[in-house]
Amino acid sequence: ERTKFGMPLLDINGIQVNFPFTPYACQVDYMSKVLTCLQKNQNGVLESPTGTGKTLSLLCASLAWQESRKAQVELNKQDGLATILSSSAIDTANFDRLKASLQVASGASWGSDEFFVPRIIYASRTHSQLSQAVQELKRTAYNSVKSSVIGSREQLCIHQQVQKLTNNAAKVHLCRAKVSARQCHFYNNIEDFKKKGDARKTMGNIVDIEDIVKFGHKTKTCPYYMARELKTDAEIVFMPYNYLLDSKSRKA
C-alpha cells in the first residue's frame, strides 16, 4: 500500500509506518524492534551495519508510533467526555469533571499516562550527525512534525562580544550577565517573539542549527534562546548526547 505522496505504507507491529521508499528486510526488522521497545515501554540496544539506513528507520518508526499514540489519546479524550455527557444528572462533582473534560477536548492535558504523548529526543555525538538526521526527516512523510535542535552558545550565539571570547565558561558567564541586565538586544527580541506567540509560525516546523542561525542574523534574534523557545512545543528534539548525560544541561 502507498500513501497519496507515493510513499510505501507499512504495517509493522500494528502501526502504520510511512517510509520514503520500499525498505530492505533489515530496515523492517530494525523498525519492528524500535516499535516493540516503544510499545512495551522498554529500553533497547540496537545495531545495524553502516549504510543500512538506521537514521531513517529510527525516525520513521518512532514518529509513526508517536502519531499512533496521538490518535489513541484523542480517543481517550472523546471517551472520557462522552461518558460524562451521557450522565442523566450532573451534580457539582460531575460539573467540575465536565469542565475538566472540556479543557481536555480543547487540548489541555490531564497529566496522566492515558492522555500523555511522549516527546521524542534524538541524540547523537556531533552536530553534523544531527544535521544529517534533520535532513533525513525532511525527506519523510513526517516532515510536518514540530522539531527543535539544541546547541551550545558557541554554535548559536551571534553576539559579537560573546563570540570574541575563546573560553566557553566565559561565554556562558557574559551571555547570562547581558541577558540578566537586558543588555543583549538579540535576547530582548526573543522576548517580543514570545509575547506575540509566533516563534514557531515564523521559523517553521523542521529546523536545524544553520536554519536558526540564519534566522537570527536576519531578524536580529538570539538563535540560542530561539532554539529553546522552539523546544517548548516540539514533538521531536535533536541534541548532542552530553545534553542528556549532564544533569546541569538537562535542567537548562
C-alpha atoms as a PDB file:
ATOM      1  CA  GLU A   1       0.000   0.000   0.000  1.00  0.00           C
ATOM      2  CA  ARG A   2       1.163   3.547  -0.753  1.00  0.00           C
ATOM      3  CA  THR A   3       0.229   6.972   0.578  1.00  0.00           C
ATOM      4  CA  LYS A   4      -1.086   9.846  -1.551  1.00  0.00           C
ATOM      5  CA  PHE A   5       2.547  11.018  -1.756  1.00  0.00           C
ATOM      6  CA  GLY A   6       3.545   7.723  -3.373  1.00  0.00           C
ATOM      7  CA  MET A   7       5.445   6.541  -0.305  1.00  0.00           C
ATOM      8  CA  PRO A   8       5.091   2.943   0.914  1.00  0.00           C
ATOM      9  CA  LEU A   9       2.753   2.496   3.887  1.00  0.00           C
ATOM     10  CA  LEU A  10       3.869  -0.413   6.032  1.00  0.00           C
ATOM     11  CA  ASP A  11       2.052  -2.276   8.788  1.00  0.00           C
ATOM     12  CA  ILE A  12       4.684  -3.081  11.415  1.00  0.00           C
ATOM     13  CA  ASN A  13       3.632  -4.345  14.846  1.00  0.00           C
ATOM     14  CA  GLY A  14       0.146  -2.993  14.166  1.00  0.00           C
ATOM     15  CA  ILE A  15       1.499   0.510  13.479  1.00  0.00           C
ATOM     16  CA  GLN A  16       1.135   2.238  10.103  1.00  0.00           C
ATOM     17  CA  VAL A  17       4.644   3.389   9.151  1.00  0.00           C
ATOM     18  CA  ASN A  18       5.301   5.739   6.238  1.00  0.00           C
ATOM     19  CA  PHE A  19       8.669   5.126   4.574  1.00  0.00           C
ATOM     20  CA  PRO A  20      10.200   7.127   1.686  1.00  0.00           C
ATOM     21  CA  PHE A  21      10.884   4.009  -0.395  1.00  0.00           C
ATOM     22  CA  THR A  22      10.393   0.259  -0.310  1.00  0.00           C
ATOM     23  CA  PRO A  23      12.512  -0.773   2.696  1.00  0.00           C
ATOM     24  CA  TYR A  24      15.019  -3.586   2.864  1.00  0.00           C
ATOM     25  CA  ALA A  25      14.280  -6.529   5.141  1.00  0.00           C
ATOM     26  CA  CYS A  26      16.895  -5.321   7.656  1.00  0.00           C
ATOM     27  CA  GLN A  27      15.168  -1.927   7.840  1.00  0.00           C
ATOM     28  CA  VAL A  28      11.776  -3.511   8.501  1.00  0.00           C
ATOM     29  CA  ASP A  29      13.351  -5.679  11.205  1.00  0.00           C
ATOM     30  CA  TYR A  30      15.037  -2.637  12.763  1.00  0.00           C
ATOM     31  CA  MET A  31      11.782  -0.660  12.797  1.00  0.00           C
ATOM     32  CA  SER A  32       9.958  -3.625  14.302  1.00  0.00           C
ATOM     33  CA  LYS A  33      12.457  -3.743  17.181  1.00  0.00           C
ATOM     34  CA  VAL A  34      12.127   0.021  17.742  1.00  0.00           C
ATOM     35  CA  LEU A  35       8.335  -0.242  17.834  1.00  0.00           C
ATOM     36  CA  THR A  36       8.461  -3.198  20.226  1.00  0.00           C
ATOM     37  CA  CYS A  37      10.551  -1.142  22.655  1.00  0.00           C
ATOM     38  CA  LEU A  38       8.150   1.794  22.419  1.00  0.00           C
ATOM     39  CA  GLN A  39       5.008  -0.298  22.735  1.00  0.00           C
ATOM     40  CA  LYS A  40       6.330  -2.149  25.785  1.00  0.00           C
ATOM     41  CA  ASN A  41       7.986   0.928  27.319  1.00  0.00           C
ATOM     42  CA  GLN A  42      11.350  -0.839  27.307  1.00  0.00           C
ATOM     43  CA  ASN A  43      14.936   0.170  26.665  1.00  0.00           C
ATOM     44  CA  GLY A  44      16.630  -1.229  23.595  1.00  0.00           C
ATOM     45  CA  VAL A  45      20.176  -1.521  22.304  1.00  0.00           C
ATOM     46  CA  LEU A  46      20.025  -1.916  18.530  1.00  0.00           C
ATOM     47  CA  GLU A  47      22.744  -2.018  15.921  1.00  0.00           C
ATOM     48  CA  SER A  48      22.916  -2.314  12.169  1.00  0.00           C
ATOM     49  CA  PRO A  49      25.819  -2.130   9.678  1.00  0.00           C
ATOM     50  CA  THR A  50      26.864   1.208   8.201  1.00  0.00           C
ATOM     51  CA  GLY A  51      24.761   2.231   5.220  1.00  0.00           C
ATOM     52  CA  THR A  52      21.628   0.292   6.166  1.00  0.00           C
ATOM     53  CA  GLY A  53      19.527   3.379   6.858  1.00  0.00           C
ATOM     54  CA  LYS A  54      19.435   3.304  10.650  1.00  0.00           C
ATOM     55  CA  THR A  55      18.622   7.015  10.965  1.00  0.00           C
ATOM     56  CA  LEU A  56      15.683   6.877   8.575  1.00  0.00           C
ATOM     57  CA  SER A  57      14.375   3.673  10.127  1.00  0.00           C
ATOM     58  CA  LEU A  58      14.628   5.074  13.649  1.00  0.00           C
ATOM     59  CA  LEU A  59      12.908   8.342  12.724  1.00  0.00           C
ATOM     60  CA  CYS A  60      10.061   6.768  10.764  1.00  0.00           C
ATOM     61  CA  ALA A  61       9.351   4.072  13.355  1.00  0.00           C
ATOM     62  CA  SER A  62       9.408   6.384  16.368  1.00  0.00           C
ATOM     63  CA  LEU A  63       7.352   9.116  14.690  1.00  0.00           C
ATOM     64  CA  ALA A  64       4.819   6.564  13.424  1.00  0.00           C
ATOM     65  CA  TRP A  65       4.419   5.325  16.996  1.00  0.00           C
ATOM     66  CA  GLN A  66       4.058   8.895  18.266  1.00  0.00           C
ATOM     67  CA  GLU A  67       1.385   9.521  15.623  1.00  0.00           C
ATOM     68  CA  SER A  68      -0.449   6.392  16.726  1.00  0.00           C
ATOM     69  CA  ARG A  69      -0.181   7.491  20.349  1.00  0.00           C
ATOM     70  CA  LYS A  70      -1.700  10.890  19.492  1.00  0.00           C
ATOM     71  CA  ALA A  71      -4.666   9.146  17.869  1.00  0.00           C
ATOM     72  CA  GLN A  72      -5.131   6.940  20.941  1.00  0.00           C
ATOM     73  CA  VAL A  73      -5.025   9.931  23.275  1.00  0.00           C
ATOM     74  CA  GLU A  74      -7.694  11.686  21.197  1.00  0.00           C
ATOM     75  CA  LEU A  75      -9.898   8.599  21.504  1.00  0.00           C
ATOM     76  CA  ASN A  76      -9.326   8.526  25.263  1.00  0.00           C
ATOM     77  CA  LYS A  77     -10.353  12.180  25.493  1.00  0.00           C
ATOM     78  CA  GLN A  78     -13.511  11.601  23.458  1.00  0.00           C
ATOM     79  CA  ASP A  79     -14.432   8.521  25.507  1.00  0.00           C
ATOM     80  CA  GLY A  80     -13.998  10.425  28.756  1.00  0.00           C
ATOM     81  CA  LEU A  81     -16.135  13.323  27.540  1.00  0.00           C
ATOM     82  CA  ALA A  82     -18.846  11.049  26.149  1.00  0.00           C
ATOM     83  CA  THR A  83     -19.097   9.156  29.448  1.00  0.00           C
ATOM     84  CA  ILE A  84     -19.720  12.346  31.407  1.00  0.00           C
ATOM     85  CA  LEU A  85     -22.144  13.885  28.897  1.00  0.00           C
ATOM     86  CA  SER A  86     -24.259  10.713  28.933  1.00  0.00           C
ATOM     87  CA  SER A  87     -24.906  11.092  32.665  1.00  0.00           C
ATOM     88  CA  SER A  88     -28.563  11.921  33.378  1.00  0.00           C
ATOM     89  CA  ALA A  89     -27.800  14.023  36.460  1.00  0.00           C
ATOM     90  CA  ILE A  90     -24.930  16.464  36.812  1.00  0.00           C
ATOM     91  CA  ASP A  91     -24.063  17.396  40.381  1.00  0.00           C
ATOM     92  CA  THR A  92     -21.241  19.694  41.445  1.00  0.00           C
ATOM     93  CA  ALA A  93     -18.621  16.971  41.211  1.00  0.00           C
ATOM     94  CA  ASN A  94     -19.818  15.964  37.755  1.00  0.00           C
ATOM     95  CA  PHE A  95     -19.905  19.591  36.665  1.00  0.00           C
ATOM     96  CA  ASP A  96     -16.267  20.006  37.718  1.00  0.00           C
ATOM     97  CA  ARG A  97     -15.419  16.866  35.799  1.00  0.00           C
ATOM     98  CA  LEU A  98     -17.309  18.212  32.799  1.00  0.00           C
ATOM     99  CA  LYS A  99     -15.265  21.415  32.836  1.00  0.00           C
ATOM    100  CA  ALA A 100     -12.083  19.400  33.084  1.00  0.00           C
ATOM    101  CA  SER A 101     -13.208  17.215  30.197  1.00  0.00           C
ATOM    102  CA  LEU A 102     -13.951  20.222  28.030  1.00  0.00           C
ATOM    103  CA  GLN A 103     -10.460  21.513  28.773  1.00  0.00           C
ATOM    104  CA  VAL A 104      -9.089  18.181  27.625  1.00  0.00           C
ATOM    105  CA  ALA A 105     -11.219  18.287  24.491  1.00  0.00           C
ATOM    106  CA  SER A 106      -9.711  21.673  23.671  1.00  0.00           C
ATOM    107  CA  GLY A 107      -6.178  20.398  24.046  1.00  0.00           C
ATOM    108  CA  ALA A 108      -5.307  20.758  27.737  1.00  0.00           C
ATOM    109  CA  SER A 109      -3.516  17.812  29.338  1.00  0.00           C
ATOM    110  CA  TRP A 110      -4.839  15.752  32.216  1.00  0.00           C
ATOM    111  CA  GLY A 111      -1.277  14.908  33.191  1.00  0.00           C
ATOM    112  CA  SER A 112      -1.976  11.162  33.347  1.00  0.00           C
ATOM    113  CA  ASP A 113      -0.344   8.470  31.215  1.00  0.00           C
ATOM    114  CA  GLU A 114      -3.665   7.833  29.496  1.00  0.00           C
ATOM    115  CA  PHE A 115      -3.525  11.294  27.960  1.00  0.00           C
ATOM    116  CA  PHE A 116       0.228  11.669  27.554  1.00  0.00           C
ATOM    117  CA  VAL A 117       2.071  11.806  24.227  1.00  0.00           C
ATOM    118  CA  PRO A 118       5.835  11.479  24.795  1.00  0.00           C
ATOM    119  CA  ARG A 119       8.254  13.835  23.111  1.00  0.00           C
ATOM    120  CA  ILE A 120      10.952  12.123  21.064  1.00  0.00           C
ATOM    121  CA  ILE A 121      14.558  13.033  21.816  1.00  0.00           C
ATOM    122  CA  TYR A 122      17.046  12.190  19.073  1.00  0.00           C
ATOM    123  CA  ALA A 123      20.591  12.299  20.436  1.00  0.00           C
ATOM    124  CA  SER A 124      23.842  11.919  18.527  1.00  0.00           C
ATOM    125  CA  ARG A 125      27.526  12.551  19.107  1.00  0.00           C
ATOM    126  CA  THR A 126      28.108  15.529  16.801  1.00  0.00           C
ATOM    127  CA  HIS A 127      26.050  18.378  15.406  1.00  0.00           C
ATOM    128  CA  SER A 128      26.913  17.323  11.864  1.00  0.00           C
ATOM    129  CA  GLN A 129      25.230  13.981  12.578  1.00  0.00           C
ATOM    130  CA  LEU A 130      22.217  15.815  13.969  1.00  0.00           C
ATOM    131  CA  SER A 131      22.047  17.995  10.845  1.00  0.00           C
ATOM    132  CA  GLN A 132      22.079  14.851   8.708  1.00  0.00           C
ATOM    133  CA  ALA A 133      19.212  13.434  10.768  1.00  0.00           C
ATOM    134  CA  VAL A 134      17.200  16.641  10.303  1.00  0.00           C
ATOM    135  CA  GLN A 135      17.750  16.432   6.542  1.00  0.00           C
ATOM    136  CA  GLU A 136      16.599  12.798   6.598  1.00  0.00           C
ATOM    137  CA  LEU A 137      13.454  13.853   8.457  1.00  0.00           C
ATOM    138  CA  LYS A 138      12.654  16.390   5.745  1.00  0.00           C
ATOM    139  CA  ARG A 139      12.563  13.517   3.211  1.00  0.00           C
ATOM    140  CA  THR A 140       9.863  11.624   5.081  1.00  0.00           C
ATOM    141  CA  ALA A 141       6.086  11.876   5.316  1.00  0.00           C
ATOM    142  CA  TYR A 142       6.628  13.118   8.877  1.00  0.00           C
ATOM    143  CA  ASN A 143       8.127  16.410   7.716  1.00  0.00           C
ATOM    144  CA  SER A 144       5.300  18.401   9.297  1.00  0.00           C
ATOM    145  CA  VAL A 145       6.157  17.463  12.895  1.00  0.00           C
ATOM    146  CA  LYS A 146       7.337  20.271  15.139  1.00  0.00           C
ATOM    147  CA  SER A 147      11.043  19.971  15.841  1.00  0.00           C
ATOM    148  CA  SER A 148      13.850  21.798  17.567  1.00  0.00           C
ATOM    149  CA  VAL A 149      17.594  21.352  17.789  1.00  0.00           C
ATOM    150  CA  ILE A 150      19.570  22.190  20.920  1.00  0.00           C
ATOM    151  CA  GLY A 151      23.108  23.546  20.686  1.00  0.00           C
ATOM    152  CA  SER A 152      25.676  25.455  22.698  1.00  0.00           C
ATOM    153  CA  ARG A 153      26.296  29.190  22.785  1.00  0.00           C
ATOM    154  CA  GLU A 154      29.493  28.517  20.843  1.00  0.00           C
ATOM    155  CA  GLN A 155      27.382  27.345  17.914  1.00  0.00           C
ATOM    156  CA  LEU A 156      24.330  29.548  18.320  1.00  0.00           C
ATOM    157  CA  CYS A 157      25.301  32.851  19.940  1.00  0.00           C
ATOM    158  CA  ILE A 158      25.654  35.729  17.450  1.00  0.00           C
ATOM    159  CA  HIS A 159      26.515  38.495  19.935  1.00  0.00           C
ATOM    160  CA  GLN A 160      29.925  39.807  18.827  1.00  0.00           C
ATOM    161  CA  GLN A 161      31.272  40.462  22.325  1.00  0.00           C
ATOM    162  CA  VAL A 162      30.400  36.958  23.460  1.00  0.00           C
ATOM    163  CA  GLN A 163      31.728  35.332  20.296  1.00  0.00           C
ATOM    164  CA  LYS A 164      35.102  37.061  20.683  1.00  0.00           C
ATOM    165  CA  LEU A 165      35.772  35.116  23.887  1.00  0.00           C
ATOM    166  CA  THR A 166      37.725  31.892  23.467  1.00  0.00           C
ATOM    167  CA  ASN A 167      36.808  30.306  26.802  1.00  0.00           C
ATOM    168  CA  ASN A 168      33.413  28.605  26.807  1.00  0.00           C
ATOM    169  CA  ALA A 169      32.793  29.252  30.517  1.00  0.00           C
ATOM    170  CA  ALA A 170      33.486  32.947  29.946  1.00  0.00           C
ATOM    171  CA  LYS A 171      30.982  32.960  27.068  1.00  0.00           C
ATOM    172  CA  VAL A 172      28.311  31.457  29.300  1.00  0.00           C
ATOM    173  CA  HIS A 173      29.022  33.975  32.077  1.00  0.00           C
ATOM    174  CA  LEU A 174      28.952  37.019  29.763  1.00  0.00           C
ATOM    175  CA  CYS A 175      25.829  35.810  27.975  1.00  0.00           C
ATOM    176  CA  ARG A 176      23.929  35.325  31.226  1.00  0.00           C
ATOM    177  CA  ALA A 177      25.096  38.696  32.540  1.00  0.00           C
ATOM    178  CA  LYS A 178      23.900  40.528  29.425  1.00  0.00           C
ATOM    179  CA  VAL A 179      20.588  38.668  29.387  1.00  0.00           C
ATOM    180  CA  SER A 180      20.003  39.368  33.083  1.00  0.00           C
ATOM    181  CA  ALA A 181      20.764  43.077  32.601  1.00  0.00           C
ATOM    182  CA  ARG A 182      18.732  43.129  29.363  1.00  0.00           C
ATOM    183  CA  GLN A 183      21.808  44.367  27.504  1.00  0.00           C
ATOM    184  CA  CYS A 184      21.508  41.825  24.696  1.00  0.00           C
ATOM    185  CA  HIS A 185      19.119  43.115  22.047  1.00  0.00           C
ATOM    186  CA  PHE A 186      19.115  39.697  20.357  1.00  0.00           C
ATOM    187  CA  TYR A 187      17.630  38.142  23.505  1.00  0.00           C
ATOM    188  CA  ASN A 188      15.270  41.077  24.047  1.00  0.00           C
ATOM    189  CA  ASN A 189      13.863  40.489  20.567  1.00  0.00           C
ATOM    190  CA  ILE A 190      13.184  36.863  21.530  1.00  0.00           C
ATOM    191  CA  GLU A 191      11.014  38.173  24.341  1.00  0.00           C
ATOM    192  CA  ASP A 192       8.967  40.077  21.751  1.00  0.00           C
ATOM    193  CA  PHE A 193       8.529  36.878  19.732  1.00  0.00           C
ATOM    194  CA  LYS A 194       7.348  35.039  22.850  1.00  0.00           C
ATOM    195  CA  LYS A 195       4.773  37.730  23.623  1.00  0.00           C
ATOM    196  CA  LYS A 196       3.398  37.500  20.096  1.00  0.00           C
ATOM    197  CA  GLY A 197       3.491  33.706  20.212  1.00  0.00           C
ATOM    198  CA  ASP A 198       4.707  33.427  16.631  1.00  0.00           C
ATOM    199  CA  ALA A 199       8.156  31.833  17.013  1.00  0.00           C
ATOM    200  CA  ARG A 200       7.039  28.513  15.537  1.00  0.00           C
ATOM    201  CA  LYS A 201       4.928  30.122  12.815  1.00  0.00           C
ATOM    202  CA  THR A 202       7.860  32.295  11.769  1.00  0.00           C
ATOM    203  CA  MET A 203      10.558  29.617  11.905  1.00  0.00           C
ATOM    204  CA  GLY A 204       8.612  26.681  10.504  1.00  0.00           C
ATOM    205  CA  ASN A 205       8.359  23.136  11.833  1.00  0.00           C
ATOM    206  CA  ILE A 206      11.641  21.435  10.934  1.00  0.00           C
ATOM    207  CA  VAL A 207      14.809  23.405  11.646  1.00  0.00           C
ATOM    208  CA  ASP A 208      18.486  22.710  12.244  1.00  0.00           C
ATOM    209  CA  ILE A 209      21.370  24.749  13.654  1.00  0.00           C
ATOM    210  CA  GLU A 210      22.085  26.515  10.357  1.00  0.00           C
ATOM    211  CA  ASP A 211      18.426  27.470   9.883  1.00  0.00           C
ATOM    212  CA  ILE A 212      18.194  29.013  13.349  1.00  0.00           C
ATOM    213  CA  VAL A 213      21.476  30.935  12.998  1.00  0.00           C
ATOM    214  CA  LYS A 214      20.470  32.327   9.594  1.00  0.00           C
ATOM    215  CA  PHE A 215      17.112  33.342  11.003  1.00  0.00           C
ATOM    216  CA  GLY A 216      18.843  35.006  13.966  1.00  0.00           C
ATOM    217  CA  HIS A 217      21.060  37.128  11.715  1.00  0.00           C
ATOM    218  CA  LYS A 218      18.106  38.050   9.511  1.00  0.00           C
ATOM    219  CA  THR A 219      15.729  39.065  12.317  1.00  0.00           C
ATOM    220  CA  LYS A 220      18.286  40.144  14.964  1.00  0.00           C
ATOM    221  CA  THR A 221      17.029  37.487  17.364  1.00  0.00           C
ATOM    222  CA  CYS A 222      19.100  35.158  19.545  1.00  0.00           C
ATOM    223  CA  PRO A 223      19.435  31.686  17.948  1.00  0.00           C
ATOM    224  CA  TYR A 224      20.411  30.123  21.292  1.00  0.00           C
ATOM    225  CA  TYR A 225      17.226  31.163  23.062  1.00  0.00           C
ATOM    226  CA  MET A 226      15.127  30.765  19.926  1.00  0.00           C
ATOM    227  CA  ALA A 227      16.092  27.075  19.879  1.00  0.00           C
ATOM    228  CA  ARG A 228      14.899  26.765  23.466  1.00  0.00           C
ATOM    229  CA  GLU A 229      11.685  28.580  22.674  1.00  0.00           C
ATOM    230  CA  LEU A 230      11.007  26.182  19.796  1.00  0.00           C
ATOM    231  CA  LYS A 231      11.635  23.282  22.179  1.00  0.00           C
ATOM    232  CA  THR A 232       8.554  24.140  24.248  1.00  0.00           C
ATOM    233  CA  ASP A 233       6.121  22.738  21.666  1.00  0.00           C
ATOM    234  CA  ALA A 234       8.482  20.414  19.776  1.00  0.00           C
ATOM    235  CA  GLU A 235       7.368  16.840  19.134  1.00  0.00           C
ATOM    236  CA  ILE A 236      10.940  15.788  18.408  1.00  0.00           C
ATOM    237  CA  VAL A 237      14.099  17.426  19.761  1.00  0.00           C
ATOM    238  CA  PHE A 238      17.574  16.881  18.328  1.00  0.00           C
ATOM    239  CA  MET A 239      20.502  17.274  20.725  1.00  0.00           C
ATOM    240  CA  PRO A 240      24.046  16.028  21.442  1.00  0.00           C
ATOM    241  CA  TYR A 241      24.453  13.145  23.899  1.00  0.00           C
ATOM    242  CA  ASN A 242      26.052  15.333  26.556  1.00  0.00           C
ATOM    243  CA  TYR A 243      22.837  17.317  26.971  1.00  0.00           C
ATOM    244  CA  LEU A 244      21.182  14.121  28.181  1.00  0.00           C
ATOM    245  CA  LEU A 245      24.065  12.805  30.273  1.00  0.00           C
ATOM    246  CA  ASP A 246      24.966  16.039  32.068  1.00  0.00           C
ATOM    247  CA  SER A 247      22.485  16.963  34.826  1.00  0.00           C
ATOM    248  CA  LYS A 248      23.144  20.717  34.509  1.00  0.00           C
ATOM    249  CA  SER A 249      22.488  20.600  30.769  1.00  0.00           C
ATOM    250  CA  ARG A 250      19.250  18.663  31.294  1.00  0.00           C
ATOM    251  CA  LYS A 251      17.956  21.251  33.757  1.00  0.00           C
ATOM    252  CA  ALA A 252      18.898  24.096  31.404  1.00  0.00           C
END
